[in-house]
């Protein structure tokens, strides 16, 4: 959705829709870390996905997206995604140097 590739439909719960950004704001996106935590029981989870996105100009930006998912028969389905990601202030190059 954020790079113009892929179809999120297979990850969404029935009745949930998401519209891809047009034009896509990034040319590349990689997931750095995923953290999940149960919400109320074993059928609902809150997910934080830390990603590094590359703009068409080649600038890398760190973001955190939060999602809410519910258990389906054989998989997790997304029922909500934060509308705007949280931008991490520390630039990618500085974060890699700290590691």
N, C-alpha and C. Protein backbone atom coordinates (compact mmCIF):
# COMPACT_ATOMS: atom_id res chain seq x y z
N UNK A 1 0.81 -1.20 0.00
CA UNK A 1 0.00 0.00 0.00
C UNK A 1 0.84 1.26 0.00
N UNK A 2 1.99 1.21 0.66
CA UNK A 2 2.82 2.40 0.77
C UNK A 2 3.85 2.54 -0.34
N UNK A 3 4.10 1.47 -1.09
CA UNK A 3 5.07 1.52 -2.17
C UNK A 3 4.44 1.28 -3.54
N UNK A 4 3.14 1.06 -3.56
CA UNK A 4 2.46 0.80 -4.83
C UNK A 4 2.42 -0.67 -5.21
N UNK A 5 2.95 -1.54 -4.35
CA UNK A 5 2.93 -2.97 -4.59
C UNK A 5 2.01 -3.65 -3.60
N UNK A 6 1.49 -4.78 -4.00
CA UNK A 6 0.74 -5.61 -3.07
C UNK A 6 -0.71 -5.24 -2.93
N UNK A 7 -1.43 -6.19 -2.35
CA UNK A 7 -2.85 -6.05 -2.10
C UNK A 7 -3.11 -6.49 -0.67
N UNK A 8 -3.51 -5.57 0.21
CA UNK A 8 -3.69 -5.92 1.62
C UNK A 8 -4.95 -6.73 1.90
N UNK A 9 -5.80 -6.92 0.92
CA UNK A 9 -7.10 -7.55 1.13
C UNK A 9 -6.99 -8.88 1.87
N UNK A 10 -6.01 -9.69 1.55
CA UNK A 10 -5.93 -11.02 2.17
C UNK A 10 -5.58 -10.96 3.66
N UNK A 11 -5.12 -9.81 4.14
CA UNK A 11 -4.77 -9.66 5.55
C UNK A 11 -5.87 -9.00 6.38
N UNK A 12 -6.91 -8.54 5.72
CA UNK A 12 -7.95 -7.76 6.38
C UNK A 12 -9.13 -8.64 6.80
N UNK A 13 -9.74 -8.28 7.92
CA UNK A 13 -10.95 -8.96 8.37
C UNK A 13 -12.09 -8.62 7.41
N UNK A 14 -13.08 -9.50 7.30
CA UNK A 14 -14.23 -9.20 6.45
C UNK A 14 -14.87 -7.86 6.83
N UNK A 15 -15.20 -7.07 5.83
CA UNK A 15 -15.82 -5.78 6.05
C UNK A 15 -14.85 -4.63 6.28
N UNK A 16 -13.55 -4.93 6.40
CA UNK A 16 -12.54 -3.89 6.60
C UNK A 16 -11.91 -3.57 5.24
N UNK A 17 -11.77 -2.30 4.94
CA UNK A 17 -11.13 -1.91 3.68
C UNK A 17 -10.07 -0.86 3.95
N UNK A 18 -9.04 -0.86 3.13
CA UNK A 18 -7.98 0.13 3.20
C UNK A 18 -7.69 0.60 1.79
N UNK A 19 -7.53 1.89 1.63
CA UNK A 19 -7.26 2.45 0.32
C UNK A 19 -5.77 2.76 0.20
N UNK A 20 -5.11 2.21 -0.81
CA UNK A 20 -3.69 2.52 -0.99
C UNK A 20 -3.46 4.00 -1.27
N UNK A 21 -2.32 4.50 -0.83
CA UNK A 21 -1.95 5.88 -1.12
C UNK A 21 -1.70 6.02 -2.62
N UNK A 22 -2.18 7.12 -3.21
CA UNK A 22 -1.99 7.34 -4.64
C UNK A 22 -1.63 8.80 -4.87
N UNK A 23 -0.41 9.10 -5.25
CA UNK A 23 0.67 8.16 -5.57
C UNK A 23 1.30 7.61 -4.29
N UNK A 24 1.96 6.45 -4.39
CA UNK A 24 2.61 5.89 -3.21
C UNK A 24 3.70 6.82 -2.69
N UNK A 25 3.78 7.02 -1.37
CA UNK A 25 4.77 7.96 -0.82
C UNK A 25 6.19 7.40 -0.74
N UNK A 26 6.34 6.08 -0.90
CA UNK A 26 7.66 5.46 -0.76
C UNK A 26 7.95 4.52 -1.92
N UNK A 27 9.24 4.32 -2.19
CA UNK A 27 9.65 3.38 -3.23
C UNK A 27 10.12 2.06 -2.63
N UNK A 28 10.41 2.06 -1.33
CA UNK A 28 10.83 0.83 -0.65
C UNK A 28 10.44 0.93 0.81
N UNK A 29 10.17 -0.22 1.41
CA UNK A 29 9.82 -0.27 2.81
C UNK A 29 10.31 -1.60 3.37
N UNK A 30 11.01 -1.55 4.49
CA UNK A 30 11.43 -2.79 5.12
C UNK A 30 11.00 -2.78 6.58
N UNK A 31 10.57 -3.92 7.05
CA UNK A 31 10.15 -4.06 8.43
C UNK A 31 11.39 -4.36 9.27
N UNK A 32 11.62 -3.55 10.28
CA UNK A 32 12.77 -3.72 11.18
C UNK A 32 12.41 -4.58 12.38
N UNK A 33 11.21 -4.40 12.91
CA UNK A 33 10.81 -5.13 14.11
C UNK A 33 9.29 -5.15 14.22
N UNK A 34 8.77 -6.26 14.73
CA UNK A 34 7.35 -6.37 15.02
C UNK A 34 7.20 -6.82 16.47
N UNK A 35 6.35 -6.11 17.21
CA UNK A 35 6.07 -6.46 18.59
C UNK A 35 4.56 -6.59 18.71
N UNK A 36 4.11 -7.65 19.38
CA UNK A 36 2.68 -7.81 19.58
C UNK A 36 2.36 -8.04 21.05
N UNK A 37 1.16 -7.67 21.42
CA UNK A 37 0.71 -7.82 22.81
C UNK A 37 -0.77 -8.16 22.81
N UNK A 38 -1.15 -9.17 23.59
CA UNK A 38 -2.58 -9.50 23.67
C UNK A 38 -3.37 -8.31 24.20
N UNK A 39 -4.59 -8.14 23.69
CA UNK A 39 -5.44 -7.04 24.13
C UNK A 39 -6.30 -7.48 25.31
N UNK A 40 -7.13 -8.49 25.13
CA UNK A 40 -8.00 -8.91 26.22
C UNK A 40 -7.95 -10.42 26.44
N UNK A 41 -7.69 -11.15 25.40
CA UNK A 41 -7.57 -12.60 25.50
C UNK A 41 -6.73 -13.08 24.32
N UNK A 42 -6.75 -14.36 24.05
CA UNK A 42 -5.92 -14.89 22.96
C UNK A 42 -6.52 -14.69 21.58
N UNK A 43 -7.59 -13.90 21.46
CA UNK A 43 -8.22 -13.70 20.16
C UNK A 43 -8.03 -12.30 19.60
N UNK A 44 -7.39 -11.41 20.37
CA UNK A 44 -7.17 -10.04 19.92
C UNK A 44 -5.74 -9.63 20.27
N UNK A 45 -5.06 -9.00 19.31
CA UNK A 45 -3.70 -8.51 19.59
C UNK A 45 -3.52 -7.11 19.03
N UNK A 46 -2.62 -6.40 19.67
CA UNK A 46 -2.18 -5.08 19.23
C UNK A 46 -0.76 -5.27 18.71
N UNK A 47 -0.46 -4.76 17.55
CA UNK A 47 0.83 -4.97 16.90
C UNK A 47 1.49 -3.62 16.62
N UNK A 48 2.77 -3.51 16.95
CA UNK A 48 3.59 -2.36 16.57
C UNK A 48 4.60 -2.84 15.55
N UNK A 49 4.62 -2.21 14.39
CA UNK A 49 5.58 -2.56 13.34
C UNK A 49 6.49 -1.37 13.11
N UNK A 50 7.78 -1.56 13.39
CA UNK A 50 8.78 -0.53 13.11
C UNK A 50 9.30 -0.75 11.70
N UNK A 51 9.22 0.28 10.87
CA UNK A 51 9.63 0.15 9.47
C UNK A 51 10.59 1.27 9.09
N UNK A 52 11.36 1.01 8.05
CA UNK A 52 12.19 2.05 7.43
C UNK A 52 11.67 2.18 6.01
N UNK A 53 11.23 3.37 5.66
CA UNK A 53 10.67 3.65 4.34
C UNK A 53 11.61 4.58 3.57
N UNK A 54 11.74 4.33 2.27
CA UNK A 54 12.60 5.15 1.41
C UNK A 54 11.72 5.99 0.49
N UNK A 55 11.93 7.29 0.51
CA UNK A 55 11.16 8.20 -0.34
C UNK A 55 11.66 8.12 -1.79
N UNK A 56 10.89 8.63 -2.74
CA UNK A 56 11.37 8.65 -4.13
C UNK A 56 12.70 9.39 -4.28
N UNK A 57 13.01 10.31 -3.38
CA UNK A 57 14.29 11.03 -3.42
C UNK A 57 15.44 10.29 -2.76
N UNK A 58 15.18 9.09 -2.23
CA UNK A 58 16.22 8.27 -1.63
C UNK A 58 16.45 8.50 -0.15
N UNK A 59 15.59 9.27 0.50
CA UNK A 59 15.73 9.54 1.94
C UNK A 59 15.02 8.44 2.72
N UNK A 60 15.73 7.88 3.72
CA UNK A 60 15.14 6.86 4.57
C UNK A 60 14.53 7.50 5.80
N UNK A 61 13.33 7.05 6.15
CA UNK A 61 12.61 7.56 7.32
C UNK A 61 12.13 6.36 8.14
N UNK A 62 12.20 6.49 9.46
CA UNK A 62 11.69 5.45 10.36
C UNK A 62 10.27 5.82 10.81
N UNK A 63 9.40 4.81 10.82
CA UNK A 63 8.02 4.98 11.26
C UNK A 63 7.62 3.79 12.11
N UNK A 64 6.62 4.01 12.94
CA UNK A 64 5.99 2.92 13.67
C UNK A 64 4.50 2.95 13.35
N UNK A 65 4.01 1.81 12.89
CA UNK A 65 2.59 1.65 12.61
C UNK A 65 1.99 0.77 13.69
N UNK A 66 0.79 1.11 14.14
CA UNK A 66 0.13 0.19 15.05
C UNK A 66 -1.14 -0.34 14.41
N UNK A 67 -1.31 -1.63 14.62
CA UNK A 67 -2.42 -2.37 14.04
C UNK A 67 -3.15 -3.12 15.14
N UNK A 68 -4.40 -3.40 14.89
CA UNK A 68 -5.21 -4.20 15.80
C UNK A 68 -5.71 -5.38 14.99
N UNK A 69 -5.50 -6.61 15.49
CA UNK A 69 -5.89 -7.80 14.74
C UNK A 69 -6.68 -8.75 15.63
N UNK A 70 -7.51 -9.55 14.97
CA UNK A 70 -8.29 -10.57 15.68
C UNK A 70 -7.98 -11.92 15.06
N UNK A 71 -8.15 -12.96 15.88
CA UNK A 71 -7.89 -14.32 15.41
C UNK A 71 -9.03 -14.78 14.52
N UNK A 72 -8.66 -15.35 13.37
CA UNK A 72 -9.62 -16.00 12.48
C UNK A 72 -9.38 -17.50 12.63
N UNK A 73 -9.97 -18.29 11.78
CA UNK A 73 -9.85 -19.74 11.90
C UNK A 73 -8.39 -20.18 11.86
N UNK A 74 -7.63 -19.69 10.90
CA UNK A 74 -6.24 -20.16 10.74
C UNK A 74 -5.22 -19.03 10.59
N UNK A 75 -5.60 -17.81 10.97
CA UNK A 75 -4.69 -16.67 10.79
C UNK A 75 -5.19 -15.47 11.59
N UNK A 76 -4.35 -14.41 11.62
CA UNK A 76 -4.74 -13.14 12.22
C UNK A 76 -5.25 -12.24 11.11
N UNK A 77 -6.32 -11.49 11.38
CA UNK A 77 -6.86 -10.55 10.41
C UNK A 77 -6.85 -9.15 11.00
N UNK A 78 -6.41 -8.19 10.21
CA UNK A 78 -6.33 -6.80 10.65
C UNK A 78 -7.72 -6.18 10.63
N UNK A 79 -8.09 -5.57 11.75
CA UNK A 79 -9.38 -4.88 11.82
C UNK A 79 -9.21 -3.37 11.91
N UNK A 80 -8.01 -2.91 12.27
CA UNK A 80 -7.76 -1.47 12.35
C UNK A 80 -6.27 -1.19 12.18
N UNK A 81 -5.98 -0.09 11.54
CA UNK A 81 -4.62 0.39 11.34
C UNK A 81 -4.62 1.87 11.64
N UNK A 82 -3.62 2.31 12.41
CA UNK A 82 -3.58 3.74 12.71
C UNK A 82 -3.50 4.52 11.41
N UNK A 83 -4.24 5.59 11.33
CA UNK A 83 -4.28 6.37 10.10
C UNK A 83 -2.97 7.05 9.77
N UNK A 84 -2.24 7.46 10.78
CA UNK A 84 -0.98 8.15 10.56
C UNK A 84 0.08 7.47 11.42
N UNK A 85 1.21 7.10 10.82
CA UNK A 85 2.26 6.44 11.62
C UNK A 85 2.96 7.43 12.53
N UNK A 86 3.62 6.89 13.53
CA UNK A 86 4.46 7.70 14.40
C UNK A 86 5.84 7.73 13.77
N UNK A 87 6.36 8.92 13.55
CA UNK A 87 7.68 9.04 12.94
C UNK A 87 8.73 9.04 14.03
N UNK A 88 9.73 8.19 13.87
CA UNK A 88 10.84 8.15 14.81
C UNK A 88 11.77 9.30 14.49
N UNK A 89 12.17 10.05 15.51
CA UNK A 89 12.98 11.24 15.30
C UNK A 89 14.40 10.92 14.90
N UNK A 90 14.98 9.87 15.48
CA UNK A 90 16.38 9.55 15.22
C UNK A 90 16.56 9.10 13.76
N UNK A 91 17.44 9.77 12.99
CA UNK A 91 17.67 9.37 11.60
C UNK A 91 18.23 7.96 11.52
N UNK A 92 17.99 7.29 10.40
CA UNK A 92 18.42 5.91 10.20
C UNK A 92 19.92 5.76 10.39
N UNK A 93 20.73 6.64 9.81
CA UNK A 93 22.19 6.53 9.89
C UNK A 93 22.66 6.61 11.34
N UNK A 94 22.06 7.49 12.16
CA UNK A 94 22.43 7.62 13.56
C UNK A 94 22.05 6.37 14.35
N UNK A 95 20.89 5.81 14.06
CA UNK A 95 20.43 4.62 14.78
C UNK A 95 21.35 3.44 14.48
N UNK A 96 21.77 3.30 13.23
CA UNK A 96 22.67 2.19 12.86
C UNK A 96 24.03 2.37 13.51
N UNK A 97 24.51 3.60 13.65
CA UNK A 97 25.79 3.85 14.29
C UNK A 97 25.74 3.53 15.78
N UNK A 98 24.56 3.71 16.41
CA UNK A 98 24.41 3.42 17.83
C UNK A 98 24.38 1.93 18.12
N UNK A 99 24.07 1.10 17.12
CA UNK A 99 23.93 -0.34 17.35
C UNK A 99 25.26 -1.02 17.54
